[in-house]
Amino acid sequence: MATKTSTEDWIEELKSISVLELSERIKALEEEFGVSATAVAAAAPAAAAGGGEAAGGGEEESSTVDVHITEVGGQKVPVIKVVRNATGLGLKEAKAVVDAAPGPVKEGVDREEAEKLKAELEEAGATVELK
């Protein structure tokens, strides 16, 4: 019988791997179980809102957004620091996110938090878009 790993142990293990390896593991889980992590992450806030379309004519759907860096700017280091603080990623992983720009930094974020992150990234020199 296999030893069960506690959730905390599992999370600690995930923290120690690279973003690329984490992405590969997520993809393998999605294929194995026929699910999409993106769909689950996007559906959870909408479900918590409780019928946003009927109440607000679709406005509730835009309460969460994705924060995307479109341009890093002249200095990457300040942008990497902001990405690292906002995501909890390690230095190497945060650098990989910034190097991959244009692309997402954080997805399914409350609009208020996204606006704050956008302001921090722009202050660091990045060009940011909320989608």
Protein backbone atom coordinates (compact mmCIF):
# COMPACT_ATOMS: atom_id res chain seq x y z
CA MET A 1 0.00 0.00 0.00
CA ALA A 2 1.36 3.43 -0.98
CA THR A 3 2.11 6.01 1.69
CA LYS A 4 -0.27 8.95 1.67
CA THR A 5 1.31 12.39 1.36
CA SER A 6 -0.26 15.22 3.29
CA THR A 7 -1.43 18.25 1.34
CA GLU A 8 1.26 20.36 3.01
CA ASP A 9 3.99 17.92 1.92
CA TRP A 10 2.62 17.89 -1.60
CA ILE A 11 2.58 21.69 -1.77
CA GLU A 12 6.15 21.87 -0.44
CA GLU A 13 7.22 19.43 -3.17
CA LEU A 14 5.51 21.59 -5.82
CA LYS A 15 7.36 24.67 -4.54
CA SER A 16 10.68 22.96 -5.17
CA ILE A 17 10.12 22.20 -8.87
CA SER A 18 10.52 24.48 -11.87
CA VAL A 19 7.59 26.20 -13.56
CA LEU A 20 8.21 24.08 -16.65
CA GLU A 21 8.02 20.85 -14.64
CA LEU A 22 4.90 22.08 -12.83
CA SER A 23 3.32 22.91 -16.19
CA GLU A 24 4.13 19.41 -17.45
CA ARG A 25 2.59 17.85 -14.34
CA ILE A 26 -0.56 19.95 -14.69
CA LYS A 27 -0.85 18.94 -18.35
CA ALA A 28 -0.45 15.26 -17.40
CA LEU A 29 -3.19 15.59 -14.74
CA GLU A 30 -5.48 17.33 -17.22
CA GLU A 31 -4.98 14.53 -19.75
CA GLU A 32 -5.31 11.74 -17.17
CA PHE A 33 -8.55 13.02 -15.68
CA GLY A 34 -10.00 14.80 -18.72
CA VAL A 35 -10.20 18.19 -16.99
CA SER A 36 -8.81 21.65 -17.53
CA ALA A 37 -7.17 23.56 -14.67
CA THR A 38 -7.98 26.83 -16.45
CA ALA A 39 -11.67 26.03 -16.68
CA VAL A 40 -11.84 25.08 -13.01
CA ALA A 41 -10.01 28.23 -11.91
CA ALA A 42 -12.26 30.44 -14.03
CA ALA A 43 -15.48 28.63 -13.09
CA ALA A 44 -14.94 28.74 -9.32
CA PRO A 45 -15.28 32.54 -8.91
CA ALA A 46 -18.26 32.59 -11.28
CA ALA A 47 -19.98 29.85 -9.28
CA ALA A 48 -19.28 31.70 -6.03
CA ALA A 49 -20.92 34.82 -7.49
CA GLY A 50 -24.21 32.93 -7.69
CA GLY A 51 -25.90 33.56 -11.03
CA GLY A 52 -24.15 36.71 -12.14
CA GLU A 53 -25.69 36.76 -15.61
CA ALA A 54 -29.26 36.74 -14.36
CA ALA A 55 -28.60 39.42 -11.75
CA GLY A 56 -26.20 41.71 -13.55
CA GLY A 57 -26.53 41.00 -17.23
CA GLY A 58 -23.06 39.44 -17.57
CA GLU A 59 -21.22 42.08 -15.52
CA GLU A 60 -20.37 39.55 -12.82
CA GLU A 61 -18.27 37.57 -15.29
CA SER A 62 -15.76 40.41 -15.51
CA SER A 63 -15.15 40.49 -11.73
CA THR A 64 -12.05 38.36 -12.29
CA VAL A 65 -9.40 39.10 -14.86
CA ASP A 66 -6.04 37.86 -16.08
CA VAL A 67 -2.97 40.07 -15.70
CA HIS A 68 -0.72 39.95 -18.78
CA ILE A 69 2.64 41.61 -19.35
CA THR A 70 2.76 42.91 -22.92
CA GLU A 71 6.22 44.51 -22.63
CA VAL A 72 8.84 44.17 -19.90
CA GLY A 73 10.44 47.58 -20.39
CA GLY A 74 14.05 48.64 -19.98
CA GLN A 75 14.83 46.96 -16.67
CA LYS A 76 13.71 43.38 -16.01
CA VAL A 77 14.89 43.09 -12.40
CA PRO A 78 12.20 45.34 -10.84
CA VAL A 79 9.52 43.57 -12.91
CA ILE A 80 10.82 40.16 -11.80
CA LYS A 81 10.64 41.30 -8.16
CA VAL A 82 7.00 42.38 -8.54
CA VAL A 83 6.10 39.10 -10.31
CA ARG A 84 7.85 37.13 -7.60
CA ASN A 85 6.02 38.95 -4.79
CA ALA A 86 2.64 38.71 -6.51
CA THR A 87 2.84 35.03 -7.43
CA GLY A 88 4.98 33.49 -4.70
CA LEU A 89 7.24 31.99 -7.35
CA GLY A 90 10.94 31.49 -6.85
CA LEU A 91 13.44 33.78 -8.53
CA LYS A 92 14.10 31.42 -11.44
CA GLU A 93 10.40 30.85 -12.09
CA ALA A 94 9.53 34.56 -11.84
CA LYS A 95 12.34 35.34 -14.30
CA ALA A 96 10.93 32.69 -16.66
CA VAL A 97 7.50 34.37 -16.52
CA VAL A 98 9.03 37.77 -17.32
CA ASP A 99 11.26 36.33 -20.07
CA ALA A 100 8.18 34.72 -21.66
CA ALA A 101 6.47 38.10 -22.06
CA PRO A 102 4.12 38.87 -23.64
CA GLY A 103 2.13 36.50 -21.50
CA PRO A 104 0.11 35.98 -18.35
CA VAL A 105 1.46 36.76 -14.90
CA LYS A 106 -1.58 35.83 -12.84
CA GLU A 107 -4.95 34.49 -13.95
CA GLY A 108 -8.43 34.58 -12.42
CA VAL A 109 -7.63 37.51 -10.13
CA ASP A 110 -10.19 39.81 -8.50
CA ARG A 111 -10.39 43.05 -10.45
CA GLU A 112 -9.22 45.08 -7.44
CA GLU A 113 -6.14 42.88 -6.91
CA ALA A 114 -5.46 42.91 -10.66
CA GLU A 115 -5.54 46.71 -10.76
CA LYS A 116 -3.10 46.85 -7.84
CA LEU A 117 -0.75 44.35 -9.52
CA LYS A 118 -1.01 46.26 -12.81
CA ALA A 119 -0.02 49.49 -11.04
CA GLU A 120 2.96 47.78 -9.36
CA LEU A 121 4.15 46.24 -12.64
CA GLU A 122 3.77 49.54 -14.50
CA GLU A 123 5.69 51.32 -11.75
CA ALA A 124 8.46 48.74 -12.27
CA GLY A 125 8.51 49.62 -15.98
CA ALA A 126 6.34 46.93 -17.58
CA THR A 127 3.42 47.47 -19.94
CA VAL A 128 0.44 45.51 -18.58
CA GLU A 129 -2.95 44.52 -19.90
CA LEU A 130 -5.96 43.14 -18.03
CA LYS A 131 -7.98 40.61 -19.95
